[in-house]
C-alpha atoms as a PDB file:
ATOM      1  CA  UNK A   1       0.000   0.000   0.000  1.00  0.00           C
ATOM      2  CA  UNK A   2       2.805   2.439   0.852  1.00  0.00           C
ATOM      3  CA  UNK A   3       4.603   1.455  -2.342  1.00  0.00           C
ATOM      4  CA  UNK A   4       1.533   2.195  -4.439  1.00  0.00           C
ATOM      5  CA  UNK A   5       1.184   5.635  -2.836  1.00  0.00           C
ATOM      6  CA  UNK A   6       4.844   6.409  -3.509  1.00  0.00           C
ATOM      7  CA  UNK A   7       4.390   5.276  -7.114  1.00  0.00           C
ATOM      8  CA  UNK A   8       1.302   7.455  -7.602  1.00  0.00           C
ATOM      9  CA  UNK A   9       3.120  10.570  -6.388  1.00  0.00           C
ATOM     10  CA  UNK A  10       6.058   9.594  -8.643  1.00  0.00           C
ATOM     11  CA  UNK A  11       8.453   9.174  -5.720  1.00  0.00           C
ATOM     12  CA  UNK A  12       9.343   5.718  -7.064  1.00  0.00           C
ATOM     13  CA  UNK A  13       9.166   4.443 -10.645  1.00  0.00           C
ATOM     14  CA  UNK A  14       7.918   0.872 -10.418  1.00  0.00           C
ATOM     15  CA  UNK A  15       8.315  -2.127  -8.134  1.00  0.00           C
ATOM     16  CA  UNK A  16      11.551  -3.964  -8.842  1.00  0.00           C
ATOM     17  CA  UNK A  17      13.184  -1.560 -11.288  1.00  0.00           C
ATOM     18  CA  UNK A  18      15.501  -0.068  -8.666  1.00  0.00           C
ATOM     19  CA  UNK A  19      17.112  -3.350  -7.663  1.00  0.00           C
ATOM     20  CA  UNK A  20      18.177  -4.103 -11.223  1.00  0.00           C
ATOM     21  CA  UNK A  21      19.576  -0.587 -11.625  1.00  0.00           C
ATOM     22  CA  UNK A  22      21.543  -0.925  -8.378  1.00  0.00           C
ATOM     23  CA  UNK A  23      23.028  -4.236  -9.563  1.00  0.00           C
ATOM     24  CA  UNK A  24      23.864  -2.832 -13.015  1.00  0.00           C
ATOM     25  CA  UNK A  25      25.457   0.266 -11.514  1.00  0.00           C
ATOM     26  CA  UNK A  26      27.651  -1.773  -9.163  1.00  0.00           C
ATOM     27  CA  UNK A  27      28.796  -4.087 -11.961  1.00  0.00           C
ATOM     28  CA  UNK A  28      29.432  -1.158 -14.335  1.00  0.00           C
ATOM     29  CA  UNK A  29      31.657   0.462 -11.693  1.00  0.00           C
ATOM     30  CA  UNK A  30      33.668  -2.708 -11.078  1.00  0.00           C
ATOM     31  CA  UNK A  31      32.047  -3.597  -7.757  1.00  0.00           C
ATOM     32  CA  UNK A  32      30.579  -6.880  -6.573  1.00  0.00           C
ATOM     33  CA  UNK A  33      26.836  -7.325  -6.977  1.00  0.00           C
ATOM     34  CA  UNK A  34      25.056  -6.176  -3.805  1.00  0.00           C
ATOM     35  CA  UNK A  35      23.493  -8.658  -1.413  1.00  0.00           C
ATOM     36  CA  UNK A  36      19.750  -8.174  -0.822  1.00  0.00           C
ATOM     37  CA  UNK A  37      18.296  -9.695   2.363  1.00  0.00           C
ATOM     38  CA  UNK A  38      14.902  -9.552   4.041  1.00  0.00           C
ATOM     39  CA  UNK A  39      15.338  -9.066   7.769  1.00  0.00           C
ATOM     40  CA  UNK A  40      12.504  -8.649  10.262  1.00  0.00           C
ATOM     41  CA  UNK A  41      10.131  -7.319   7.619  1.00  0.00           C
ATOM     42  CA  UNK A  42      12.696  -4.874   6.259  1.00  0.00           C
ATOM     43  CA  UNK A  43      15.242  -4.905   3.466  1.00  0.00           C
ATOM     44  CA  UNK A  44      18.998  -4.904   3.989  1.00  0.00           C
ATOM     45  CA  UNK A  45      21.257  -4.091   1.028  1.00  0.00           C
ATOM     46  CA  UNK A  46      24.967  -4.791   1.480  1.00  0.00           C
ATOM     47  CA  UNK A  47      27.363  -3.006  -0.863  1.00  0.00           C
ATOM     48  CA  UNK A  48      30.860  -4.498  -0.790  1.00  0.00           C
ATOM     49  CA  UNK A  49      34.043  -2.640  -1.524  1.00  0.00           C
ATOM     50  CA  UNK A  50      36.518  -4.210  -3.957  1.00  0.00           C
ATOM     51  CA  UNK A  51      39.649  -5.488  -2.248  1.00  0.00           C
ATOM     52  CA  UNK A  52      42.690  -3.735  -3.661  1.00  0.00           C
ATOM     53  CA  UNK A  53      46.264  -3.365  -2.502  1.00  0.00           C
ATOM     54  CA  UNK A  54      45.305   0.041  -1.129  1.00  0.00           C
ATOM     55  CA  UNK A  55      42.364  -1.281   0.920  1.00  0.00           C
ATOM     56  CA  UNK A  56      44.569  -4.048   2.319  1.00  0.00           C
ATOM     57  CA  UNK A  57      47.125  -1.435   3.411  1.00  0.00           C
ATOM     58  CA  UNK A  58      44.342   0.552   5.097  1.00  0.00           C
ATOM     59  CA  UNK A  59      43.411  -2.572   7.102  1.00  0.00           C
ATOM     60  CA  UNK A  60      46.922  -2.757   8.604  1.00  0.00           C
ATOM     61  CA  UNK A  61      47.157  -6.505   7.962  1.00  0.00           C
ATOM     62  CA  UNK A  62      50.412  -8.372   8.239  1.00  0.00           C
ATOM     63  CA  UNK A  63      51.975  -9.980   5.168  1.00  0.00           C
ATOM     64  CA  UNK A  64      50.327 -13.435   5.443  1.00  0.00           C
ATOM     65  CA  UNK A  65      46.667 -12.356   4.963  1.00  0.00           C
ATOM     66  CA  UNK A  66      47.722  -9.990   2.183  1.00  0.00           C
ATOM     67  CA  UNK A  67      49.425 -12.853   0.317  1.00  0.00           C
ATOM     68  CA  UNK A  68      46.343 -15.045   0.824  1.00  0.00           C
ATOM     69  CA  UNK A  69      44.156 -12.507  -0.925  1.00  0.00           C
END
């Protein structure tokens, strides 16, 4: 019901179109596809950062985990 109201006032486009655009945008920018989960009647979207040499340095890991990745 809330979704229909938001659609009628043009706050959202259509059910389901946003999820595909989020996935496409992540893939087009070299990111992993997001994880969509239903949790306690809500929606959780997890966006994951790509692991690069720079992000590993920011994590202050020792050499062994860095080599494993």
